Amino acid sequence: MDRLLKVQSKTTMKMTYFEKEDILYLKISGGPESGSFELNPNITVELNDKDEMIGIEILNASDFIRDSVLESVQAKMLHLDKAQTA
């Protein structure tokens, strides 16, 4: 699904981790939620009535963070390796 997500300007994000449930919640801005959509099975994006992103909920957060960091590091190492052999 292609969707342009808007974020209010000058936002201060707050992160809350619920250890027992392994859920990471990123609060992007205040205000009531008027809708949401599932970005993938473990990530839900919350929207306000202006269709601006106000929050992100990540289930199985510890696995998500681990995998994201590993993927980022591996991509950078591959890029460095290609640069050194060129």
C-alpha atoms as a PDB file:
ATOM      1  CA  MET A   1       0.000   0.000   0.000  1.00  0.00           C
ATOM      2  CA  ASP A   2       1.454   3.364  -1.034  1.00  0.00           C
ATOM      3  CA  ARG A   3       0.553   6.072   1.412  1.00  0.00           C
ATOM      4  CA  LEU A   4       2.119   9.422   2.146  1.00  0.00           C
ATOM      5  CA  LEU A   5       2.305   9.908   5.903  1.00  0.00           C
ATOM      6  CA  LYS A   6       2.288  13.428   7.237  1.00  0.00           C
ATOM      7  CA  VAL A   7       3.844  14.358  10.556  1.00  0.00           C
ATOM      8  CA  GLN A   8       3.098  17.581  12.386  1.00  0.00           C
ATOM      9  CA  SER A   9       6.020  19.973  12.233  1.00  0.00           C
ATOM     10  CA  LYS A  10       8.084  20.572  15.360  1.00  0.00           C
ATOM     11  CA  THR A  11       7.101  17.327  17.040  1.00  0.00           C
ATOM     12  CA  THR A  12       8.883  15.798  19.997  1.00  0.00           C
ATOM     13  CA  MET A  13       8.738  12.031  19.948  1.00  0.00           C
ATOM     14  CA  LYS A  14       8.395  10.079  23.165  1.00  0.00           C
ATOM     15  CA  MET A  15       9.158   6.375  23.382  1.00  0.00           C
ATOM     16  CA  THR A  16       7.584   4.027  25.891  1.00  0.00           C
ATOM     17  CA  TYR A  17       8.595   0.385  26.211  1.00  0.00           C
ATOM     18  CA  PHE A  18       6.268  -2.133  27.835  1.00  0.00           C
ATOM     19  CA  GLU A  19       8.713  -4.864  28.815  1.00  0.00           C
ATOM     20  CA  LYS A  20       6.230  -7.547  29.857  1.00  0.00           C
ATOM     21  CA  GLU A  21       4.369  -7.316  26.537  1.00  0.00           C
ATOM     22  CA  ASP A  22       7.512  -6.465  24.476  1.00  0.00           C
ATOM     23  CA  ILE A  23       5.745  -3.486  22.880  1.00  0.00           C
ATOM     24  CA  LEU A  24       7.435  -0.235  21.899  1.00  0.00           C
ATOM     25  CA  TYR A  25       5.164   2.784  21.511  1.00  0.00           C
ATOM     26  CA  LEU A  26       6.425   5.904  19.756  1.00  0.00           C
ATOM     27  CA  LYS A  27       4.257   8.908  20.536  1.00  0.00           C
ATOM     28  CA  ILE A  28       4.880  11.449  17.798  1.00  0.00           C
ATOM     29  CA  SER A  29       2.304  14.056  18.801  1.00  0.00           C
ATOM     30  CA  GLY A  30      -0.663  14.526  21.084  1.00  0.00           C
ATOM     31  CA  GLY A  31      -4.297  14.505  20.256  1.00  0.00           C
ATOM     32  CA  PRO A  32      -6.895  11.826  19.802  1.00  0.00           C
ATOM     33  CA  GLU A  33      -6.498   8.925  17.418  1.00  0.00           C
ATOM     34  CA  SER A  34      -9.104   8.894  14.673  1.00  0.00           C
ATOM     35  CA  GLY A  35      -7.759   5.972  12.691  1.00  0.00           C
ATOM     36  CA  SER A  36      -4.948   3.501  12.260  1.00  0.00           C
ATOM     37  CA  PHE A  37      -3.571   1.042   9.777  1.00  0.00           C
ATOM     38  CA  GLU A  38      -1.313  -1.981   9.948  1.00  0.00           C
ATOM     39  CA  LEU A  39       2.002  -1.320   8.216  1.00  0.00           C
ATOM     40  CA  ASN A  40       2.954  -4.964   8.696  1.00  0.00           C
ATOM     41  CA  PRO A  41       1.776  -7.637  11.150  1.00  0.00           C
ATOM     42  CA  ASN A  42       3.811  -6.134  14.019  1.00  0.00           C
ATOM     43  CA  ILE A  43       3.582  -2.399  13.302  1.00  0.00           C
ATOM     44  CA  THR A  44       0.473  -0.236  13.600  1.00  0.00           C
ATOM     45  CA  VAL A  45       0.469   3.439  12.626  1.00  0.00           C
ATOM     46  CA  GLU A  46      -2.002   5.725  14.419  1.00  0.00           C
ATOM     47  CA  LEU A  47      -3.454   8.812  12.715  1.00  0.00           C
ATOM     48  CA  ASN A  48      -5.326  11.907  13.847  1.00  0.00           C
ATOM     49  CA  ASP A  49      -8.337  13.426  12.085  1.00  0.00           C
ATOM     50  CA  LYS A  50      -6.018  15.292   9.665  1.00  0.00           C
ATOM     51  CA  ASP A  51      -4.418  11.976   8.599  1.00  0.00           C
ATOM     52  CA  GLU A  52      -1.188  12.943  10.357  1.00  0.00           C
ATOM     53  CA  MET A  53       0.834  10.238  12.041  1.00  0.00           C
ATOM     54  CA  ILE A  54       0.572  10.577  15.823  1.00  0.00           C
ATOM     55  CA  GLY A  55       1.905   7.234  17.022  1.00  0.00           C
ATOM     56  CA  ILE A  56       3.528   3.940  16.087  1.00  0.00           C
ATOM     57  CA  GLU A  57       3.051   0.699  17.995  1.00  0.00           C
ATOM     58  CA  ILE A  58       5.637  -2.046  17.479  1.00  0.00           C
ATOM     59  CA  LEU A  59       4.841  -5.550  18.716  1.00  0.00           C
ATOM     60  CA  ASN A  60       7.715  -7.982  19.421  1.00  0.00           C
ATOM     61  CA  ALA A  61       9.843  -4.868  19.720  1.00  0.00           C
ATOM     62  CA  SER A  62      13.044  -6.533  20.914  1.00  0.00           C
ATOM     63  CA  ASP A  63      13.164  -8.742  17.797  1.00  0.00           C
ATOM     64  CA  PHE A  64      12.292  -5.777  15.565  1.00  0.00           C
ATOM     65  CA  ILE A  65      15.057  -3.585  17.013  1.00  0.00           C
ATOM     66  CA  ARG A  66      17.609  -6.407  16.858  1.00  0.00           C
ATOM     67  CA  ASP A  67      16.755  -7.241  13.252  1.00  0.00           C
ATOM     68  CA  SER A  68      16.700  -3.580  12.194  1.00  0.00           C
ATOM     69  CA  VAL A  69      20.105  -2.880  13.727  1.00  0.00           C
ATOM     70  CA  LEU A  70      21.643  -6.019  12.235  1.00  0.00           C
ATOM     71  CA  GLU A  71      20.205  -5.234   8.805  1.00  0.00           C
ATOM     72  CA  SER A  72      21.524  -1.669   8.945  1.00  0.00           C
ATOM     73  CA  VAL A  73      25.000  -2.759  10.064  1.00  0.00           C
ATOM     74  CA  GLN A  74      25.190  -5.491   7.422  1.00  0.00           C
ATOM     75  CA  ALA A  75      24.150  -3.051   4.675  1.00  0.00           C
ATOM     76  CA  LYS A  76      26.783  -0.534   5.756  1.00  0.00           C
ATOM     77  CA  MET A  77      29.473  -3.217   5.940  1.00  0.00           C
ATOM     78  CA  LEU A  78      28.536  -4.437   2.454  1.00  0.00           C
ATOM     79  CA  HIS A  79      28.728  -0.851   1.164  1.00  0.00           C
ATOM     80  CA  LEU A  80      32.165  -0.385   2.796  1.00  0.00           C
ATOM     81  CA  ASP A  81      33.376  -3.695   1.391  1.00  0.00           C
ATOM     82  CA  LYS A  82      32.299  -2.717  -2.124  1.00  0.00           C
ATOM     83  CA  ALA A  83      33.961   0.693  -1.767  1.00  0.00           C
ATOM     84  CA  GLN A  84      37.254  -0.890  -0.649  1.00  0.00           C
ATOM     85  CA  THR A  85      37.340  -3.372  -3.551  1.00  0.00           C
ATOM     86  CA  ALA A  86      36.482  -0.744  -6.187  1.00  0.00           C
END
